[in-house]
Amino acid sequence: IAYGNTVSGVNFSVNYNKNTDNNGSDKSIGLDYSPTDGLMVFAATSDQAGSSTTTDKANSFGLTYTSMGATFGVQRTSVDSATAATDTDRTHIAASFAVNENLSVSYGMSTVGFESSTKTDQEDSGFAASYTMGSMSFGASVNQSDNVDGTSGTDDTHKEMSVAFAF
């Protein structure tokens, strides 16, 4: 069951899912509000049922601000797992800038903190650019993760270039 609406400028959605295996239910609620031009604040919380005695809880909140061609965003997410020593906290920060009507660039980074003392914080970052010329778009991105899944020295890099044609 899901319901969404807007009341006094606040958008909200509520979801409920009764699990068919008698292991409880999943519930969530999300809110967003734009108190002034260019500013959006948001928050969400959820419970996801596992076995009949465990429930994972997640909370997230943040904001975005847009002015002229620039957008900045920050978000904080916490996952409280029913399994011992597996909670995580993640902080995201990103910015994008439309240089002109054809060229946009963006950069983002995040840090994942793990409750387990055997894990190292995961650090992610990425840069992307896109250029549109008529019906053609060119894009490039470079993304990097250090200490993937909390494993020290496990790093990953992804580079991508794309060309798209609209007919």
C-alpha atoms as a PDB file:
ATOM      1  CA  ILE A   1       0.000   0.000   0.000  1.00  0.00           C
ATOM      2  CA  ALA A   2       1.419   3.389  -0.936  1.00  0.00           C
ATOM      3  CA  TYR A   3       0.102   6.923  -0.611  1.00  0.00           C
ATOM      4  CA  GLY A   4       1.603  10.253  -1.586  1.00  0.00           C
ATOM      5  CA  ASN A   5       0.327  13.806  -1.424  1.00  0.00           C
ATOM      6  CA  THR A   6       1.279  17.437  -0.889  1.00  0.00           C
ATOM      7  CA  VAL A   7       0.108  19.410   2.142  1.00  0.00           C
ATOM      8  CA  SER A   8       1.087  23.070   2.629  1.00  0.00           C
ATOM      9  CA  GLY A   9       3.978  22.647   0.182  1.00  0.00           C
ATOM     10  CA  VAL A  10       5.358  19.509   1.860  1.00  0.00           C
ATOM     11  CA  ASN A  11       5.458  16.472  -0.429  1.00  0.00           C
ATOM     12  CA  PHE A  12       5.189  13.151   1.375  1.00  0.00           C
ATOM     13  CA  SER A  13       4.854   9.471   0.632  1.00  0.00           C
ATOM     14  CA  VAL A  14       3.993   6.607   2.954  1.00  0.00           C
ATOM     15  CA  ASN A  15       4.496   2.927   2.079  1.00  0.00           C
ATOM     16  CA  TYR A  16       3.504  -0.291   3.829  1.00  0.00           C
ATOM     17  CA  ASN A  17       4.211  -3.829   2.673  1.00  0.00           C
ATOM     18  CA  LYS A  18       2.969  -6.805   4.705  1.00  0.00           C
ATOM     19  CA  ASN A  19       5.405  -9.655   4.199  1.00  0.00           C
ATOM     20  CA  THR A  20       3.738 -12.885   3.148  1.00  0.00           C
ATOM     21  CA  ASP A  21       6.005 -15.125   5.230  1.00  0.00           C
ATOM     22  CA  ASN A  22       4.797 -13.799   8.622  1.00  0.00           C
ATOM     23  CA  ASN A  23       8.076 -11.946   9.150  1.00  0.00           C
ATOM     24  CA  GLY A  24       6.576  -8.580   9.940  1.00  0.00           C
ATOM     25  CA  SER A  25       6.211  -5.750   7.457  1.00  0.00           C
ATOM     26  CA  ASP A  26       8.234  -3.095   5.646  1.00  0.00           C
ATOM     27  CA  LYS A  27       7.314   0.541   6.269  1.00  0.00           C
ATOM     28  CA  SER A  28       8.684   3.852   5.000  1.00  0.00           C
ATOM     29  CA  ILE A  29       7.895   7.539   4.905  1.00  0.00           C
ATOM     30  CA  GLY A  30       9.583  10.285   2.924  1.00  0.00           C
ATOM     31  CA  LEU A  31       9.197  14.064   2.992  1.00  0.00           C
ATOM     32  CA  ASP A  32      10.564  16.919   0.925  1.00  0.00           C
ATOM     33  CA  TYR A  33       9.984  20.652   1.141  1.00  0.00           C
ATOM     34  CA  SER A  34      11.188  23.697  -0.739  1.00  0.00           C
ATOM     35  CA  PRO A  35      11.050  26.625   1.712  1.00  0.00           C
ATOM     36  CA  THR A  36      12.562  29.057  -0.793  1.00  0.00           C
ATOM     37  CA  ASP A  37      13.482  29.161  -4.464  1.00  0.00           C
ATOM     38  CA  GLY A  38      16.374  26.837  -5.192  1.00  0.00           C
ATOM     39  CA  LEU A  39      16.438  25.104  -1.789  1.00  0.00           C
ATOM     40  CA  MET A  40      15.050  21.601  -1.238  1.00  0.00           C
ATOM     41  CA  VAL A  41      15.249  19.764   2.092  1.00  0.00           C
ATOM     42  CA  PHE A  42      14.305  16.113   2.466  1.00  0.00           C
ATOM     43  CA  ALA A  43      14.141  13.298   4.986  1.00  0.00           C
ATOM     44  CA  ALA A  44      13.108   9.653   4.929  1.00  0.00           C
ATOM     45  CA  THR A  45      12.962   6.717   7.286  1.00  0.00           C
ATOM     46  CA  SER A  46      12.217   3.041   6.784  1.00  0.00           C
ATOM     47  CA  ASP A  47      11.940  -0.257   8.616  1.00  0.00           C
ATOM     48  CA  GLN A  48      12.604  -3.458   6.696  1.00  0.00           C
ATOM     49  CA  ALA A  49      11.536  -6.636   8.433  1.00  0.00           C
ATOM     50  CA  GLY A  50      13.842  -9.616   8.368  1.00  0.00           C
ATOM     51  CA  SER A  51      13.007 -12.637  10.494  1.00  0.00           C
ATOM     52  CA  SER A  52      10.195 -12.394  13.015  1.00  0.00           C
ATOM     53  CA  THR A  53      12.620 -10.877  15.559  1.00  0.00           C
ATOM     54  CA  THR A  54      14.843  -8.596  13.430  1.00  0.00           C
ATOM     55  CA  THR A  55      14.279  -5.284  11.695  1.00  0.00           C
ATOM     56  CA  ASP A  56      16.747  -3.101   9.794  1.00  0.00           C
ATOM     57  CA  LYS A  57      16.142   0.642  10.100  1.00  0.00           C
ATOM     58  CA  ALA A  58      17.385   3.340   7.734  1.00  0.00           C
ATOM     59  CA  ASN A  59      17.240   7.120   8.040  1.00  0.00           C
ATOM     60  CA  SER A  60      18.316   9.686   5.486  1.00  0.00           C
ATOM     61  CA  PHE A  61      18.184  13.467   5.323  1.00  0.00           C
ATOM     62  CA  GLY A  62      19.767  16.208   3.278  1.00  0.00           C
ATOM     63  CA  LEU A  63      19.347  19.223   1.082  1.00  0.00           C
ATOM     64  CA  THR A  64      20.051  20.564  -2.374  1.00  0.00           C
ATOM     65  CA  TYR A  65      20.509  24.170  -3.379  1.00  0.00           C
ATOM     66  CA  THR A  66      20.406  25.458  -6.950  1.00  0.00           C
ATOM     67  CA  SER A  67      21.384  28.945  -8.041  1.00  0.00           C
ATOM     68  CA  MET A  68      21.874  29.961 -11.650  1.00  0.00           C
ATOM     69  CA  GLY A  69      23.816  27.060 -13.224  1.00  0.00           C
ATOM     70  CA  ALA A  70      25.167  25.527 -10.008  1.00  0.00           C
ATOM     71  CA  THR A  71      23.634  22.850  -7.811  1.00  0.00           C
ATOM     72  CA  PHE A  72      25.069  21.693  -4.483  1.00  0.00           C
ATOM     73  CA  GLY A  73      23.804  18.767  -2.427  1.00  0.00           C
ATOM     74  CA  VAL A  74      24.606  17.025   0.827  1.00  0.00           C
ATOM     75  CA  GLN A  75      23.022  13.888   2.304  1.00  0.00           C
ATOM     76  CA  ARG A  76      23.506  11.783   5.428  1.00  0.00           C
ATOM     77  CA  THR A  77      22.268   8.186   5.592  1.00  0.00           C
ATOM     78  CA  SER A  78      22.382   5.797   8.559  1.00  0.00           C
ATOM     79  CA  VAL A  79      21.512   2.113   8.439  1.00  0.00           C
ATOM     80  CA  ASP A  80      20.916   0.426  11.788  1.00  0.00           C
ATOM     81  CA  SER A  81      21.115  -3.281  11.038  1.00  0.00           C
ATOM     82  CA  ALA A  82      19.585  -5.927  13.254  1.00  0.00           C
ATOM     83  CA  THR A  83      22.798  -7.928  12.785  1.00  0.00           C
ATOM     84  CA  ALA A  84      25.449  -6.994  15.373  1.00  0.00           C
ATOM     85  CA  ALA A  85      28.375  -4.750  14.281  1.00  0.00           C
ATOM     86  CA  THR A  86      27.043  -4.140  10.747  1.00  0.00           C
ATOM     87  CA  ASP A  87      25.636  -0.593  11.000  1.00  0.00           C
ATOM     88  CA  THR A  88      26.805   1.945   8.410  1.00  0.00           C
ATOM     89  CA  ASP A  89      26.752   5.722   8.101  1.00  0.00           C
ATOM     90  CA  ARG A  90      27.297   7.482   4.772  1.00  0.00           C
ATOM     91  CA  THR A  91      27.849  11.155   4.014  1.00  0.00           C
ATOM     92  CA  HIS A  92      27.456  12.345   0.411  1.00  0.00           C
ATOM     93  CA  ILE A  93      28.492  15.730  -0.990  1.00  0.00           C
ATOM     94  CA  ALA A  94      28.173  16.719  -4.646  1.00  0.00           C
ATOM     95  CA  ALA A  95      28.118  19.756  -6.903  1.00  0.00           C
ATOM     96  CA  SER A  96      27.310  20.314 -10.544  1.00  0.00           C
ATOM     97  CA  PHE A  97      27.677  23.315 -12.802  1.00  0.00           C
ATOM     98  CA  ALA A  98      26.093  24.039 -16.167  1.00  0.00           C
ATOM     99  CA  VAL A  99      28.893  26.017 -17.830  1.00  0.00           C
ATOM    100  CA  ASN A 100      26.553  26.914 -20.677  1.00  0.00           C
ATOM    101  CA  GLU A 101      23.551  25.339 -22.408  1.00  0.00           C
ATOM    102  CA  ASN A 102      25.799  22.637 -23.909  1.00  0.00           C
ATOM    103  CA  LEU A 103      28.447  21.827 -21.281  1.00  0.00           C
ATOM    104  CA  SER A 104      27.936  20.513 -17.721  1.00  0.00           C
ATOM    105  CA  VAL A 105      30.444  19.240 -15.166  1.00  0.00           C
ATOM    106  CA  SER A 106      29.938  17.578 -11.787  1.00  0.00           C
ATOM    107  CA  TYR A 107      31.937  16.229  -8.861  1.00  0.00           C
ATOM    108  CA  GLY A 108      30.820  14.136  -5.929  1.00  0.00           C
ATOM    109  CA  MET A 109      32.293  12.302  -2.974  1.00  0.00           C
ATOM    110  CA  SER A 110      31.077  10.126  -0.148  1.00  0.00           C
ATOM    111  CA  THR A 111      32.421   8.386   2.914  1.00  0.00           C
ATOM    112  CA  VAL A 112      30.974   5.208   4.393  1.00  0.00           C
ATOM    113  CA  GLY A 113      31.715   4.559   8.043  1.00  0.00           C
ATOM    114  CA  PHE A 114      31.347   1.007   9.311  1.00  0.00           C
ATOM    115  CA  GLU A 115      30.445   0.022  12.876  1.00  0.00           C
ATOM    116  CA  SER A 116      32.762  -2.984  12.732  1.00  0.00           C
ATOM    117  CA  SER A 117      36.230  -2.166  14.069  1.00  0.00           C
ATOM    118  CA  THR A 118      37.712  -4.580  11.505  1.00  0.00           C
ATOM    119  CA  LYS A 119      36.598  -2.397   8.602  1.00  0.00           C
ATOM    120  CA  THR A 120      38.152   0.789   7.194  1.00  0.00           C
ATOM    121  CA  ASP A 121      36.039   3.735   5.994  1.00  0.00           C
ATOM    122  CA  GLN A 122      35.178   3.481   2.309  1.00  0.00           C
ATOM    123  CA  GLU A 123      35.850   6.676   0.354  1.00  0.00           C
ATOM    124  CA  ASP A 124      34.266   7.292  -3.045  1.00  0.00           C
ATOM    125  CA  SER A 125      34.689  10.163  -5.496  1.00  0.00           C
ATOM    126  CA  GLY A 126      33.729  10.885  -9.061  1.00  0.00           C
ATOM    127  CA  PHE A 127      33.933  13.509 -11.791  1.00  0.00           C
ATOM    128  CA  ALA A 128      31.719  13.718 -14.876  1.00  0.00           C
ATOM    129  CA  ALA A 129      31.289  16.018 -17.850  1.00  0.00           C
ATOM    130  CA  SER A 130      28.818  16.100 -20.708  1.00  0.00           C
ATOM    131  CA  TYR A 131      28.596  18.126 -23.898  1.00  0.00           C
ATOM    132  CA  THR A 132      25.567  18.337 -26.158  1.00  0.00           C
ATOM    133  CA  MET A 133      25.755  19.495 -29.760  1.00  0.00           C
ATOM    134  CA  GLY A 134      22.475  19.356 -31.640  1.00  0.00           C
ATOM    135  CA  SER A 135      21.217  15.765 -31.442  1.00  0.00           C
ATOM    136  CA  MET A 136      24.567  14.389 -30.241  1.00  0.00           C
ATOM    137  CA  SER A 137      25.750  14.070 -26.649  1.00  0.00           C
ATOM    138  CA  PHE A 138      29.264  13.268 -25.460  1.00  0.00           C
ATOM    139  CA  GLY A 139      29.960  12.203 -21.901  1.00  0.00           C
ATOM    140  CA  ALA A 140      32.889  11.153 -19.762  1.00  0.00           C
ATOM    141  CA  SER A 141      33.230  10.097 -16.142  1.00  0.00           C
ATOM    142  CA  VAL A 142      35.900   8.879 -13.746  1.00  0.00           C
ATOM    143  CA  ASN A 143      34.866   7.249 -10.466  1.00  0.00           C
ATOM    144  CA  GLN A 144      37.084   5.862  -7.726  1.00  0.00           C
ATOM    145  CA  SER A 145      36.421   3.857  -4.560  1.00  0.00           C
ATOM    146  CA  ASP A 146      39.024   3.252  -1.861  1.00  0.00           C
ATOM    147  CA  ASN A 147      38.628   0.506   0.755  1.00  0.00           C
ATOM    148  CA  VAL A 148      35.635  -1.059  -1.013  1.00  0.00           C
ATOM    149  CA  ASP A 149      33.192  -2.590   1.477  1.00  0.00           C
ATOM    150  CA  GLY A 150      35.555  -1.604   4.299  1.00  0.00           C
ATOM    151  CA  THR A 151      38.430  -3.798   3.121  1.00  0.00           C
ATOM    152  CA  SER A 152      41.656  -1.820   3.406  1.00  0.00           C
ATOM    153  CA  GLY A 153      43.618  -1.671   0.132  1.00  0.00           C
ATOM    154  CA  THR A 154      40.697  -2.867  -2.001  1.00  0.00           C
ATOM    155  CA  ASP A 155      40.358  -0.035  -4.489  1.00  0.00           C
ATOM    156  CA  ASP A 156      38.344   0.275  -7.689  1.00  0.00           C
ATOM    157  CA  THR A 157      38.361   2.790 -10.539  1.00  0.00           C
ATOM    158  CA  HIS A 158      35.818   3.091 -13.325  1.00  0.00           C
ATOM    159  CA  LYS A 159      36.306   5.303 -16.392  1.00  0.00           C
ATOM    160  CA  GLU A 160      33.703   5.730 -19.093  1.00  0.00           C
ATOM    161  CA  MET A 161      33.189   7.687 -22.300  1.00  0.00           C
ATOM    162  CA  SER A 162      29.926   7.761 -24.222  1.00  0.00           C
ATOM    163  CA  VAL A 163      28.432   9.136 -27.398  1.00  0.00           C
ATOM    164  CA  ALA A 164      24.667   9.257 -27.956  1.00  0.00           C
ATOM    165  CA  PHE A 165      22.730  10.173 -31.095  1.00  0.00           C
ATOM    166  CA  ALA A 166      19.055  11.157 -31.115  1.00  0.00           C
ATOM    167  CA  PHE A 167      17.143  10.434 -34.311  1.00  0.00           C
END
